[in-house]
C-alpha atoms as a PDB file:
ATOM      1  CA  UNK A   1     -52.866 -35.993  -6.964  1.00  0.00           C
ATOM      2  CA  UNK A   2     -50.326 -39.022  -6.482  1.00  0.00           C
ATOM      3  CA  UNK A   3     -47.810 -39.716  -9.282  1.00  0.00           C
ATOM      4  CA  UNK A   4     -48.026 -42.877 -10.858  1.00  0.00           C
ATOM      5  CA  UNK A   5     -44.424 -44.932 -11.203  1.00  0.00           C
ATOM      6  CA  UNK A   6     -44.085 -43.467 -15.200  1.00  0.00           C
ATOM      7  CA  UNK A   7     -44.085 -39.859 -13.961  1.00  0.00           C
ATOM      8  CA  UNK A   8     -41.544 -40.398 -11.143  1.00  0.00           C
ATOM      9  CA  UNK A   9     -39.419 -41.809 -13.661  1.00  0.00           C
ATOM     10  CA  UNK A  10     -39.654 -39.099 -15.823  1.00  0.00           C
ATOM     11  CA  UNK A  11     -39.366 -36.781 -13.224  1.00  0.00           C
ATOM     12  CA  UNK A  12     -35.950 -38.366 -11.865  1.00  0.00           C
ATOM     13  CA  UNK A  13     -34.533 -38.534 -15.552  1.00  0.00           C
ATOM     14  CA  UNK A  14     -35.322 -35.152 -15.792  1.00  0.00           C
ATOM     15  CA  UNK A  15     -33.564 -34.615 -12.606  1.00  0.00           C
ATOM     16  CA  UNK A  16     -30.507 -36.857 -14.058  1.00  0.00           C
ATOM     17  CA  UNK A  17     -30.169 -34.623 -16.939  1.00  0.00           C
ATOM     18  CA  UNK A  18     -30.347 -31.441 -15.236  1.00  0.00           C
ATOM     19  CA  UNK A  19     -27.541 -32.494 -12.900  1.00  0.00           C
ATOM     20  CA  UNK A  20     -25.229 -33.920 -15.964  1.00  0.00           C
ATOM     21  CA  UNK A  21     -25.603 -30.150 -17.281  1.00  0.00           C
ATOM     22  CA  UNK A  22     -24.679 -29.152 -13.967  1.00  0.00           C
ATOM     23  CA  UNK A  23     -21.632 -30.815 -13.866  1.00  0.00           C
ATOM     24  CA  UNK A  24     -20.907 -30.175 -17.419  1.00  0.00           C
ATOM     25  CA  UNK A  25     -21.240 -26.082 -16.376  1.00  0.00           C
ATOM     26  CA  UNK A  26     -18.968 -26.799 -13.386  1.00  0.00           C
ATOM     27  CA  UNK A  27     -16.019 -28.286 -15.103  1.00  0.00           C
ATOM     28  CA  UNK A  28     -16.036 -25.930 -17.439  1.00  0.00           C
ATOM     29  CA  UNK A  29     -15.726 -23.124 -14.801  1.00  0.00           C
ATOM     30  CA  UNK A  30     -13.147 -25.080 -13.320  1.00  0.00           C
ATOM     31  CA  UNK A  31     -11.578 -25.082 -16.609  1.00  0.00           C
ATOM     32  CA  UNK A  32     -11.757 -21.434 -17.238  1.00  0.00           C
ATOM     33  CA  UNK A  33     -10.515 -20.802 -13.714  1.00  0.00           C
ATOM     34  CA  UNK A  34      -7.410 -23.572 -13.850  1.00  0.00           C
ATOM     35  CA  UNK A  35      -6.747 -21.548 -17.698  1.00  0.00           C
ATOM     36  CA  UNK A  36      -6.861 -17.893 -16.038  1.00  0.00           C
ATOM     37  CA  UNK A  37      -4.882 -18.827 -13.296  1.00  0.00           C
ATOM     38  CA  UNK A  38      -2.148 -20.175 -15.835  1.00  0.00           C
ATOM     39  CA  UNK A  39      -2.166 -17.060 -17.995  1.00  0.00           C
ATOM     40  CA  UNK A  40      -2.089 -15.235 -15.019  1.00  0.00           C
ATOM     41  CA  UNK A  41       1.103 -16.797 -13.724  1.00  0.00           C
ATOM     42  CA  UNK A  42       2.761 -16.652 -17.257  1.00  0.00           C
ATOM     43  CA  UNK A  43       2.177 -13.162 -17.698  1.00  0.00           C
ATOM     44  CA  UNK A  44       3.553 -12.467 -13.788  1.00  0.00           C
ATOM     45  CA  UNK A  45       6.598 -14.713 -14.443  1.00  0.00           C
ATOM     46  CA  UNK A  46       7.452 -13.355 -18.036  1.00  0.00           C
ATOM     47  CA  UNK A  47       6.919  -9.888 -17.212  1.00  0.00           C
ATOM     48  CA  UNK A  48       9.316 -10.335 -13.780  1.00  0.00           C
ATOM     49  CA  UNK A  49      12.152 -11.953 -16.763  1.00  0.00           C
ATOM     50  CA  UNK A  50      11.643  -8.818 -19.124  1.00  0.00           C
ATOM     51  CA  UNK A  51      11.814  -6.706 -16.058  1.00  0.00           C
ATOM     52  CA  UNK A  52      15.000  -7.990 -14.692  1.00  0.00           C
ATOM     53  CA  UNK A  53      16.474  -8.604 -18.179  1.00  0.00           C
ATOM     54  CA  UNK A  54      15.477  -6.143 -20.657  1.00  0.00           C
ATOM     55  CA  UNK A  55      17.558  -6.863 -23.352  1.00  0.00           C
ATOM     56  CA  UNK A  56      15.551 -10.390 -23.907  1.00  0.00           C
ATOM     57  CA  UNK A  57      12.403  -8.400 -25.193  1.00  0.00           C
ATOM     58  CA  UNK A  58      14.355  -7.417 -28.750  1.00  0.00           C
ATOM     59  CA  UNK A  59      15.211 -11.510 -28.939  1.00  0.00           C
ATOM     60  CA  UNK A  60      13.417 -13.620 -31.445  1.00  0.00           C
ATOM     61  CA  UNK A  61      11.542 -16.722 -30.501  1.00  0.00           C
ATOM     62  CA  UNK A  62      14.416 -18.993 -31.414  1.00  0.00           C
ATOM     63  CA  UNK A  63      16.747 -16.766 -29.821  1.00  0.00           C
ATOM     64  CA  UNK A  64      14.801 -16.470 -26.413  1.00  0.00           C
ATOM     65  CA  UNK A  65      14.306 -20.401 -26.671  1.00  0.00           C
ATOM     66  CA  UNK A  66      18.257 -20.927 -26.955  1.00  0.00           C
ATOM     67  CA  UNK A  67      18.896 -18.317 -24.306  1.00  0.00           C
ATOM     68  CA  UNK A  68      16.485 -20.097 -22.050  1.00  0.00           C
ATOM     69  CA  UNK A  69      18.103 -23.370 -22.675  1.00  0.00           C
ATOM     70  CA  UNK A  70      21.636 -22.542 -22.416  1.00  0.00           C
ATOM     71  CA  UNK A  71      21.126 -20.513 -19.187  1.00  0.00           C
ATOM     72  CA  UNK A  72      18.636 -22.772 -17.455  1.00  0.00           C
ATOM     73  CA  UNK A  73      19.434 -26.004 -18.199  1.00  0.00           C
ATOM     74  CA  UNK A  74      22.457 -26.155 -15.920  1.00  0.00           C
ATOM     75  CA  UNK A  75      23.734 -27.833 -13.397  1.00  0.00           C
ATOM     76  CA  UNK A  76      23.555 -25.008 -11.183  1.00  0.00           C
ATOM     77  CA  UNK A  77      19.956 -24.164 -12.221  1.00  0.00           C
ATOM     78  CA  UNK A  78      19.063 -27.560 -11.452  1.00  0.00           C
ATOM     79  CA  UNK A  79      20.645 -27.380  -8.095  1.00  0.00           C
ATOM     80  CA  UNK A  80      18.578 -24.484  -7.335  1.00  0.00           C
ATOM     81  CA  UNK A  81      15.175 -25.818  -8.364  1.00  0.00           C
ATOM     82  CA  UNK A  82      15.746 -28.974  -6.615  1.00  0.00           C
ATOM     83  CA  UNK A  83      16.230 -26.930  -3.371  1.00  0.00           C
ATOM     84  CA  UNK A  84      13.277 -25.042  -3.960  1.00  0.00           C
ATOM     85  CA  UNK A  85      11.256 -28.355  -4.789  1.00  0.00           C
ATOM     86  CA  UNK A  86      12.716 -30.181  -1.534  1.00  0.00           C
ATOM     87  CA  UNK A  87      11.788 -27.080   0.795  1.00  0.00           C
ATOM     88  CA  UNK A  88       7.863 -27.179  -0.769  1.00  0.00           C
ATOM     89  CA  UNK A  89       7.484 -30.839  -0.162  1.00  0.00           C
ATOM     90  CA  UNK A  90       7.831 -31.454   3.573  1.00  0.00           C
ATOM     91  CA  UNK A  91       8.795 -35.355   5.154  1.00  0.00           C
ATOM     92  CA  UNK A  92       5.441 -36.478   5.473  1.00  0.00           C
ATOM     93  CA  UNK A  93       5.344 -35.899   0.829  1.00  0.00           C
ATOM     94  CA  UNK A  94       2.662 -32.866   1.535  1.00  0.00           C
ATOM     95  CA  UNK A  95       2.714 -30.042  -0.643  1.00  0.00           C
ATOM     96  CA  UNK A  96       3.283 -26.777   0.832  1.00  0.00           C
ATOM     97  CA  UNK A  97      -0.211 -25.815  -0.341  1.00  0.00           C
ATOM     98  CA  UNK A  98      -1.477 -29.028   1.569  1.00  0.00           C
ATOM     99  CA  UNK A  99       0.410 -28.069   4.949  1.00  0.00           C
ATOM    100  CA  UNK A 100      -1.178 -24.801   4.893  1.00  0.00           C
ATOM    101  CA  UNK A 101      -4.490 -25.656   4.446  1.00  0.00           C
ATOM    102  CA  UNK A 102      -3.991 -28.763   6.929  1.00  0.00           C
ATOM    103  CA  UNK A 103      -2.557 -26.089  10.002  1.00  0.00           C
ATOM    104  CA  UNK A 104      -5.339 -23.700   8.820  1.00  0.00           C
ATOM    105  CA  UNK A 105      -7.974 -26.858   9.676  1.00  0.00           C
END
């Protein structure tokens, strides 16, 4: 049996609604993946910091923040960080991850 135009429009509208819902689900999964990656990164880095500076464990939040501000917001720390950033961004402007992806392709 042939579908009339009204039925075809209804089918297309249903498909559009399904695709919109699929897009929402995929965006939610992407946000969750990004959040999980951030949590993992923060835990790994904080764990490493505590392993090399175990005395920081007993500090209050304010003391820890002050410690980080006074130790990391120095010219020396900024110079080291800029050096790492410069190494990760080649002259063509691509990040190290992009360069690896392009090399693999």
